[in-house]
Amino acid sequence: MSKFSFLFFCLIITVVSFGGIVNGHGGSKVGIYELKRGDFTVKLTNFGARIMSVVLPDRNGKPADVVLGYDSIKEYLNDTSSFGAIVGRVANRIGGAQFTLNGIHYKLDANDGNNTLHGGRLGFNKVTWNVKKHVKYGPTPFIVLSYDSFDGEEGFPGNLSVTVTYALLHPYKLGVIMKAKALNKATPVNLAAHSYWNLGGHNSGDILSDEVQFFASRYTVVDSHLIPTGKIAPVKGTPFDFLKHHKVGSRITELSATLGYDLNYALDGYEKKDNKVMKLAAMVYSNKTGIGMKISTSAPGMQFYTANHVKNVKGKGGYVYQPHSAYCFETQGFPDAVNHPNFPSTIVNPGQVYTHFLLHEFVTKI
């Protein structure tokens, strides 16, 4: 992360506090909000704190919208893919929809077979967030959204005050800051931004010919239900090895038990305890548009997902999305960490603040 970008992150953090958060169930009006800096535009909605579109010029100067989504908020109400959302209170899966914390056993909402996925049936992606501040134009356009999660929501303990900040940074950078403060009980927290990226354009077909590189030499091994076994294994010699750039589809047929990629990478340097240290997670490039993206994060892991279950979904402009029409790079804590003591902890104690930085940097090759 450049010093320039970090200073803007610090500025935004200074401006935003946790005071005055109103419960998101309290009738907040759902709307569409825009951040614009020259020819770089991001549209969002406070329903699920979602990114609806990211538009920037391709190699020919033509505007390209590089995330999947819908044209109207009404369509997001029936969305089952978490398009563009902030997912939580705990992103990804919790095995058996249960965990024990400080001697207390908690049973969660099982919305993925016997497991919990992305916080349950009514996760943070399906509630209305409050708009605390919105600056549409200027050198650093940004929006701050907040949500107050109540004790027992989807089975999770304690009240949790949550904010997410989206900001456009110079020249083509999209920064995301996710923060959560535990108010009265220890609780697991693992927030993730769930945008479906297609750097060839949201309506350009599959992403199998795009090239990706991950800065992760290990991954968390999972069972047949995508629940981690607790083992952290090297990617070398497996279809999960993207230490050097490869096309997404170059070895996808070797994934015999799945429809595509859907696993968590342990990012190099994940053992470090400082959750504010940024590390390079991934680089991706589409030859269709010449647009590339670099992803940096303070999180220990990143779920790579190739939209395996997106099928016949009518999206923006009436375009129909199919499997492998996008890739997700969900920077996060490790899945099911609350049930694996050897994983980086996702527990936030009362008075502590969870912080997750995420930075997308776009470049265009002529």
Protein backbone atom coordinates (compact mmCIF):
# COMPACT_ATOMS: atom_id res chain seq x y z
CA MET A 1 0.00 0.00 0.00
CA SER A 2 1.46 3.36 -0.97
CA LYS A 3 2.10 6.04 1.63
CA PHE A 4 -0.30 8.26 -0.33
CA SER A 5 -3.18 5.79 -0.02
CA PHE A 6 -2.43 5.05 3.62
CA LEU A 7 -2.67 8.73 4.50
CA PHE A 8 -6.16 8.86 3.00
CA PHE A 9 -7.14 5.76 4.97
CA CYS A 10 -5.91 7.49 8.14
CA LEU A 11 -7.89 10.61 7.22
CA ILE A 12 -11.10 8.66 6.77
CA ILE A 13 -10.59 6.72 10.00
CA THR A 14 -10.09 10.01 11.84
CA VAL A 15 -13.28 11.49 10.39
CA VAL A 16 -15.45 8.48 11.19
CA SER A 17 -16.30 7.41 14.72
CA PHE A 18 -18.60 4.73 16.11
CA GLY A 19 -20.89 7.25 17.76
CA GLY A 20 -24.49 7.74 16.74
CA ILE A 21 -25.02 4.42 14.96
CA VAL A 22 -28.69 3.67 14.41
CA ASN A 23 -29.99 0.11 14.19
CA GLY A 24 -30.22 -0.89 10.54
CA HIS A 25 -33.57 -2.59 11.18
CA GLY A 26 -35.03 0.79 12.11
CA GLY A 27 -36.53 1.79 8.81
CA SER A 28 -33.59 3.48 7.09
CA LYS A 29 -34.35 4.45 3.52
CA VAL A 30 -32.69 2.36 0.85
CA GLY A 31 -30.97 4.36 -1.86
CA ILE A 32 -28.28 4.38 -4.54
CA TYR A 33 -25.15 6.44 -3.95
CA GLU A 34 -22.33 7.42 -6.28
CA LEU A 35 -18.63 8.14 -5.84
CA LYS A 36 -17.02 9.87 -8.78
CA ARG A 37 -13.48 10.97 -9.49
CA GLY A 38 -13.00 11.93 -13.13
CA ASP A 39 -13.73 8.88 -15.29
CA PHE A 40 -13.64 6.53 -12.29
CA THR A 41 -17.13 5.91 -10.86
CA VAL A 42 -18.51 3.55 -8.21
CA LYS A 43 -22.22 3.13 -7.46
CA LEU A 44 -23.40 1.59 -4.21
CA THR A 45 -26.55 0.89 -2.24
CA ASN A 46 -26.96 0.82 1.52
CA PHE A 47 -28.98 -2.39 1.19
CA GLY A 48 -26.30 -4.86 2.19
CA ALA A 49 -23.63 -2.12 1.85
CA ARG A 50 -23.22 -3.31 -1.73
CA ILE A 51 -21.11 -2.17 -4.65
CA MET A 52 -23.40 -2.06 -7.67
CA SER A 53 -20.94 -0.96 -10.34
CA VAL A 54 -17.29 -0.01 -10.80
CA VAL A 55 -16.68 1.88 -14.06
CA LEU A 56 -13.28 2.88 -15.43
CA PRO A 57 -11.77 3.24 -18.93
CA ASP A 58 -10.38 0.22 -20.78
CA ARG A 59 -7.27 0.30 -23.02
CA ASN A 60 -9.24 2.18 -25.69
CA GLY A 61 -10.72 4.72 -23.30
CA LYS A 62 -14.14 3.07 -23.40
CA PRO A 63 -15.96 2.85 -20.04
CA ALA A 64 -16.09 -0.69 -18.66
CA ASP A 65 -18.24 -1.82 -15.73
CA VAL A 66 -16.18 -4.56 -14.08
CA VAL A 67 -18.52 -5.99 -11.42
CA LEU A 68 -21.63 -8.14 -11.74
CA GLY A 69 -24.89 -6.84 -10.34
CA TYR A 70 -28.40 -5.58 -11.03
CA ASP A 71 -29.91 -2.38 -12.37
CA SER A 72 -32.36 -1.79 -9.51
CA ILE A 73 -32.46 -2.19 -5.76
CA LYS A 74 -35.60 -4.32 -6.08
CA GLU A 75 -33.56 -7.00 -7.83
CA TYR A 76 -31.05 -7.08 -4.99
CA LEU A 77 -33.85 -7.96 -2.56
CA ASN A 78 -34.10 -11.40 -4.16
CA ASP A 79 -30.37 -11.85 -4.75
CA THR A 80 -28.95 -15.20 -3.57
CA SER A 81 -25.32 -14.60 -4.58
CA SER A 82 -24.43 -11.69 -2.27
CA PHE A 83 -23.50 -9.57 -5.31
CA GLY A 84 -21.25 -6.74 -4.13
CA ALA A 85 -22.23 -7.03 -0.47
CA ILE A 86 -20.47 -6.84 2.85
CA VAL A 87 -21.06 -10.28 4.38
CA GLY A 88 -21.01 -11.06 8.10
CA ARG A 89 -21.18 -11.14 11.10
CA VAL A 90 -18.91 -14.02 10.07
CA ALA A 91 -18.13 -14.42 6.38
CA ASN A 92 -17.69 -17.86 4.83
CA ARG A 93 -18.61 -21.06 6.66
CA ILE A 94 -18.92 -22.19 10.26
CA GLY A 95 -19.05 -25.98 10.48
CA GLY A 96 -22.12 -27.50 12.09
CA ALA A 97 -23.54 -23.99 12.57
CA GLN A 98 -22.14 -23.92 16.09
CA PHE A 99 -19.18 -23.02 18.27
CA THR A 100 -18.18 -22.73 21.91
CA LEU A 101 -16.74 -19.50 23.30
CA ASN A 102 -15.77 -18.86 26.93
CA GLY A 103 -17.55 -22.04 27.97
CA ILE A 104 -20.85 -21.10 26.29
CA HIS A 105 -22.16 -23.12 23.35
CA TYR A 106 -23.77 -21.10 20.58
CA LYS A 107 -26.08 -22.55 17.94
CA LEU A 108 -26.34 -20.53 14.74
CA ASP A 109 -28.69 -20.38 11.80
CA ALA A 110 -27.86 -23.25 9.41
CA ASN A 111 -28.39 -21.85 5.93
CA ASP A 112 -25.86 -23.97 4.01
CA GLY A 113 -26.85 -27.56 4.70
CA ASN A 114 -25.83 -28.16 8.32
CA ASN A 115 -23.46 -25.19 8.28
CA THR A 116 -23.67 -21.40 8.53
CA LEU A 117 -22.65 -19.38 5.48
CA HIS A 118 -22.00 -15.61 5.45
CA GLY A 119 -23.70 -14.98 8.76
CA GLY A 120 -26.95 -16.89 8.23
CA ARG A 121 -30.17 -16.34 6.31
CA LEU A 122 -30.34 -12.70 7.38
CA GLY A 123 -26.70 -11.74 7.28
CA PHE A 124 -25.31 -8.25 6.89
CA ASN A 125 -25.86 -8.57 3.13
CA LYS A 126 -29.64 -8.54 3.61
CA VAL A 127 -30.15 -5.64 5.97
CA THR A 128 -30.37 -1.90 5.42
CA TRP A 129 -27.28 0.02 6.51
CA ASN A 130 -27.34 3.65 7.58
CA VAL A 131 -25.53 6.34 5.60
CA LYS A 132 -23.39 8.28 8.08
CA LYS A 133 -21.56 10.43 5.55
CA HIS A 134 -21.40 10.69 1.76
CA VAL A 135 -19.00 12.84 -0.26
CA LYS A 136 -19.72 12.23 -3.94
CA TYR A 137 -16.98 14.35 -5.54
CA GLY A 138 -13.62 15.81 -4.62
CA PRO A 139 -10.07 14.51 -4.26
CA THR A 140 -11.28 11.62 -2.08
CA PRO A 141 -14.94 10.79 -2.63
CA PHE A 142 -16.18 8.41 0.07
CA ILE A 143 -19.21 6.97 1.80
CA VAL A 144 -19.52 5.62 5.33
CA LEU A 145 -22.23 3.07 6.11
CA SER A 146 -23.10 1.71 9.55
CA TYR A 147 -25.08 -1.16 11.01
CA ASP A 148 -25.87 -2.14 14.59
CA SER A 149 -26.04 -5.92 15.00
CA PHE A 150 -27.97 -7.00 18.07
CA ASP A 151 -27.17 -9.65 20.66
CA GLY A 152 -28.47 -13.02 19.40
CA GLU A 153 -28.79 -11.98 15.76
CA GLU A 154 -28.58 -15.24 13.77
CA GLY A 155 -27.34 -16.81 17.03
CA PHE A 156 -24.20 -14.68 17.49
CA PRO A 157 -23.45 -13.26 20.94
CA GLY A 158 -23.29 -9.60 21.87
CA ASN A 159 -24.10 -6.23 20.38
CA LEU A 160 -21.77 -5.21 17.56
CA SER A 161 -21.39 -1.74 16.01
CA VAL A 162 -20.19 -2.01 12.40
CA THR A 163 -19.04 0.50 9.79
CA VAL A 164 -17.75 0.17 6.25
CA THR A 165 -16.07 2.99 4.34
CA TYR A 166 -15.65 3.00 0.57
CA ALA A 167 -13.28 5.61 -0.86
CA LEU A 168 -11.86 6.50 -4.27
CA LEU A 169 -8.15 7.18 -4.06
CA HIS A 170 -5.84 8.65 -6.69
CA PRO A 171 -5.63 7.70 -9.49
CA TYR A 172 -7.69 4.47 -9.88
CA LYS A 173 -7.85 3.01 -6.41
CA LEU A 174 -10.85 1.79 -4.44
CA GLY A 175 -10.25 1.51 -0.71
CA VAL A 176 -12.48 -0.33 1.74
CA ILE A 177 -12.31 -0.13 5.53
CA MET A 178 -14.42 -2.56 7.56
CA LYS A 179 -14.62 -1.94 11.31
CA ALA A 180 -16.63 -3.53 14.11
CA LYS A 181 -16.69 -2.85 17.85
CA ALA A 182 -17.89 -5.49 20.32
CA LEU A 183 -19.97 -3.72 22.95
CA ASN A 184 -20.81 -6.21 25.68
CA LYS A 185 -19.78 -9.81 24.83
CA ALA A 186 -16.94 -11.60 23.12
CA THR A 187 -17.96 -12.57 19.60
CA PRO A 188 -16.45 -13.87 16.36
CA VAL A 189 -16.20 -11.21 13.63
CA ASN A 190 -15.08 -11.82 10.06
CA LEU A 191 -16.31 -9.29 7.51
CA ALA A 192 -15.68 -9.66 3.78
CA ALA A 193 -16.42 -7.64 0.65
CA HIS A 194 -18.17 -9.96 -1.80
CA SER A 195 -17.91 -8.27 -5.21
CA TYR A 196 -18.02 -10.44 -8.32
CA TRP A 197 -15.30 -9.05 -10.59
CA ASN A 198 -14.98 -9.46 -14.33
CA LEU A 199 -12.27 -7.16 -15.66
CA GLY A 200 -13.39 -7.90 -19.21
CA GLY A 201 -16.67 -6.19 -18.34
CA HIS A 202 -19.65 -7.61 -16.46
CA ASN A 203 -21.27 -8.64 -19.76
CA SER A 204 -18.18 -10.12 -21.45
CA GLY A 205 -18.73 -13.82 -20.73
CA ASP A 206 -16.53 -16.12 -18.68
CA ILE A 207 -13.28 -15.23 -16.92
CA LEU A 208 -11.43 -18.49 -17.67
CA SER A 209 -8.91 -16.80 -19.98
CA ASP A 210 -8.04 -14.06 -17.47
CA GLU A 211 -4.72 -14.38 -15.67
CA VAL A 212 -4.35 -14.39 -11.88
CA GLN A 213 -1.46 -14.54 -9.47
CA PHE A 214 -1.79 -15.09 -5.73
CA PHE A 215 0.72 -14.28 -3.04
CA ALA A 216 -0.16 -17.33 -1.01
CA SER A 217 1.91 -20.49 -0.79
CA ARG A 218 -0.62 -22.34 1.40
CA TYR A 219 -4.34 -22.95 1.62
CA THR A 220 -6.80 -24.29 4.18
CA VAL A 221 -7.78 -27.87 3.33
CA VAL A 222 -11.54 -28.53 3.33
CA ASP A 223 -13.87 -31.53 3.42
CA SER A 224 -16.59 -32.35 0.90
CA HIS A 225 -18.83 -29.64 2.44
CA LEU A 226 -16.09 -26.97 2.13
CA ILE A 227 -15.50 -26.94 5.89
CA PRO A 228 -11.82 -26.66 6.88
CA THR A 229 -10.25 -29.75 8.40
CA GLY A 230 -7.77 -27.59 10.32
CA LYS A 231 -4.87 -28.50 8.05
CA ILE A 232 -2.93 -25.79 6.21
CA ALA A 233 -1.24 -27.30 3.16
CA PRO A 234 1.17 -26.04 0.46
CA VAL A 235 -0.32 -25.15 -2.92
CA LYS A 236 2.72 -26.44 -4.79
CA GLY A 237 1.85 -29.37 -7.04
CA THR A 238 -1.90 -28.73 -6.82
CA PRO A 239 -4.41 -26.97 -9.12
CA PHE A 240 -4.51 -24.25 -6.44
CA ASP A 241 -0.99 -23.04 -7.24
CA PHE A 242 -1.14 -19.50 -8.64
CA LEU A 243 2.20 -18.36 -7.26
CA LYS A 244 3.04 -17.56 -10.87
CA HIS A 245 0.38 -16.02 -13.09
CA HIS A 246 -1.84 -18.55 -14.86
CA LYS A 247 -5.14 -18.40 -16.69
CA VAL A 248 -8.04 -19.06 -14.34
CA GLY A 249 -9.22 -21.99 -16.46
CA SER A 250 -5.80 -23.54 -17.09
CA ARG A 251 -6.27 -26.28 -14.47
CA ILE A 252 -9.88 -25.95 -13.48
CA THR A 253 -10.71 -29.39 -14.94
CA GLU A 254 -8.41 -30.94 -12.35
CA LEU A 255 -10.85 -29.91 -9.62
CA SER A 256 -12.72 -33.19 -9.86
CA ALA A 257 -14.98 -32.74 -6.85
CA THR A 258 -16.14 -29.18 -7.49
CA LEU A 259 -17.54 -26.90 -10.15
CA GLY A 260 -14.62 -24.51 -9.94
CA TYR A 261 -12.52 -22.69 -7.37
CA ASP A 262 -13.96 -22.02 -3.94
CA LEU A 263 -11.27 -22.12 -1.26
CA ASN A 264 -9.37 -19.98 1.20
CA TYR A 265 -5.74 -19.07 0.60
CA ALA A 266 -3.50 -18.44 3.59
CA LEU A 267 -1.78 -15.27 2.45
CA ASP A 268 1.97 -15.13 2.86
CA GLY A 269 2.71 -13.41 6.14
CA TYR A 270 -0.69 -14.31 7.66
CA GLU A 271 0.98 -15.31 10.95
CA LYS A 272 1.69 -11.68 11.79
CA LYS A 273 -0.55 -10.45 14.59
CA ASP A 274 -0.81 -6.81 13.47
CA ASN A 275 -4.14 -6.55 11.66
CA LYS A 276 -3.23 -3.16 10.17
CA VAL A 277 -0.24 -4.36 8.13
CA MET A 278 -1.09 -4.49 4.43
CA LYS A 279 0.12 -7.36 2.28
CA LEU A 280 -0.24 -8.08 -1.41
CA ALA A 281 -2.88 -10.76 -1.94
CA ALA A 282 -3.59 -11.08 -5.67
CA MET A 283 -3.12 -9.66 -9.15
CA VAL A 284 -5.54 -10.25 -12.03
CA TYR A 285 -5.56 -9.16 -15.66
CA SER A 286 -8.04 -9.35 -18.54
CA ASN A 287 -6.73 -9.15 -22.09
CA LYS A 288 -10.26 -8.32 -23.27
CA THR A 289 -10.03 -4.79 -21.89
CA GLY A 290 -6.41 -4.45 -20.85
CA ILE A 291 -7.58 -3.79 -17.28
CA GLY A 292 -5.58 -5.22 -14.39
CA MET A 293 -6.26 -5.15 -10.66
CA LYS A 294 -3.97 -5.53 -7.66
CA ILE A 295 -5.49 -6.44 -4.29
CA SER A 296 -3.86 -5.67 -0.96
CA THR A 297 -5.32 -6.44 2.46
CA SER A 298 -4.67 -6.59 6.17
CA ALA A 299 -6.64 -9.86 6.45
CA PRO A 300 -4.86 -13.23 6.82
CA GLY A 301 -6.82 -15.06 4.12
CA MET A 302 -8.55 -14.72 0.77
CA GLN A 303 -11.36 -16.87 -0.61
CA PHE A 304 -11.05 -17.37 -4.36
CA TYR A 305 -14.43 -18.16 -5.89
CA THR A 306 -15.26 -18.49 -9.58
CA ALA A 307 -19.03 -17.90 -9.47
CA ASN A 308 -19.66 -21.63 -9.69
CA HIS A 309 -23.29 -21.40 -8.60
CA VAL A 310 -24.29 -18.36 -10.64
CA LYS A 311 -26.60 -19.77 -13.27
CA ASN A 312 -29.14 -18.03 -15.53
CA VAL A 313 -29.05 -14.87 -13.40
CA LYS A 314 -30.45 -11.86 -15.24
CA GLY A 315 -28.17 -8.95 -14.40
CA LYS A 316 -27.46 -5.39 -15.51
CA GLY A 317 -28.76 -4.46 -18.93
CA GLY A 318 -30.58 -7.79 -19.14
CA TYR A 319 -27.31 -9.71 -19.53
CA VAL A 320 -27.59 -13.26 -18.20
CA TYR A 321 -24.77 -14.37 -15.91
CA GLN A 322 -23.59 -17.98 -15.94
CA PRO A 323 -21.04 -20.06 -13.99
CA HIS A 324 -17.49 -18.69 -14.23
CA SER A 325 -18.79 -15.27 -15.28
CA ALA A 326 -16.76 -13.63 -12.50
CA TYR A 327 -14.20 -14.15 -9.78
CA CYS A 328 -14.42 -13.16 -6.13
CA PHE A 329 -11.35 -12.30 -4.07
CA GLU A 330 -12.85 -12.27 -0.58
CA THR A 331 -10.14 -11.12 1.81
CA GLN A 332 -11.07 -12.48 5.22
CA GLY A 333 -10.19 -14.39 8.35
CA PHE A 334 -9.94 -18.14 7.83
CA PRO A 335 -13.26 -20.00 7.45
CA ASP A 336 -14.51 -21.79 10.59
CA ALA A 337 -11.68 -20.19 12.57
CA VAL A 338 -13.84 -20.19 15.68
CA ASN A 339 -13.61 -24.02 15.69
CA HIS A 340 -9.88 -24.25 14.88
CA PRO A 341 -7.50 -22.88 17.55
CA ASN A 342 -4.54 -23.11 15.14
CA PHE A 343 -6.16 -20.57 12.79
CA PRO A 344 -5.75 -16.80 13.32
CA SER A 345 -8.36 -15.79 15.88
CA THR A 346 -11.53 -14.00 14.78
CA ILE A 347 -12.68 -13.30 18.35
CA VAL A 348 -13.30 -9.67 19.31
CA ASN A 349 -13.66 -8.95 23.02
CA PRO A 350 -15.81 -6.19 24.53
CA GLY A 351 -14.30 -2.78 23.87
CA GLN A 352 -12.02 -4.09 21.12
CA VAL A 353 -12.32 -2.95 17.51
CA TYR A 354 -12.01 -5.31 14.56
CA THR A 355 -10.35 -3.62 11.56
CA HIS A 356 -10.04 -4.95 8.02
CA PHE A 357 -8.35 -2.90 5.29
CA LEU A 358 -8.79 -3.71 1.61
CA LEU A 359 -7.36 -1.88 -1.39
CA HIS A 360 -8.05 -2.40 -5.11
CA GLU A 361 -5.59 -0.73 -7.50
CA PHE A 362 -6.51 -0.68 -11.21
CA VAL A 363 -4.12 -0.29 -14.11
CA THR A 364 -4.66 -0.39 -17.87
CA LYS A 365 -2.19 -1.90 -20.32
CA ILE A 366 -2.19 -0.51 -23.84
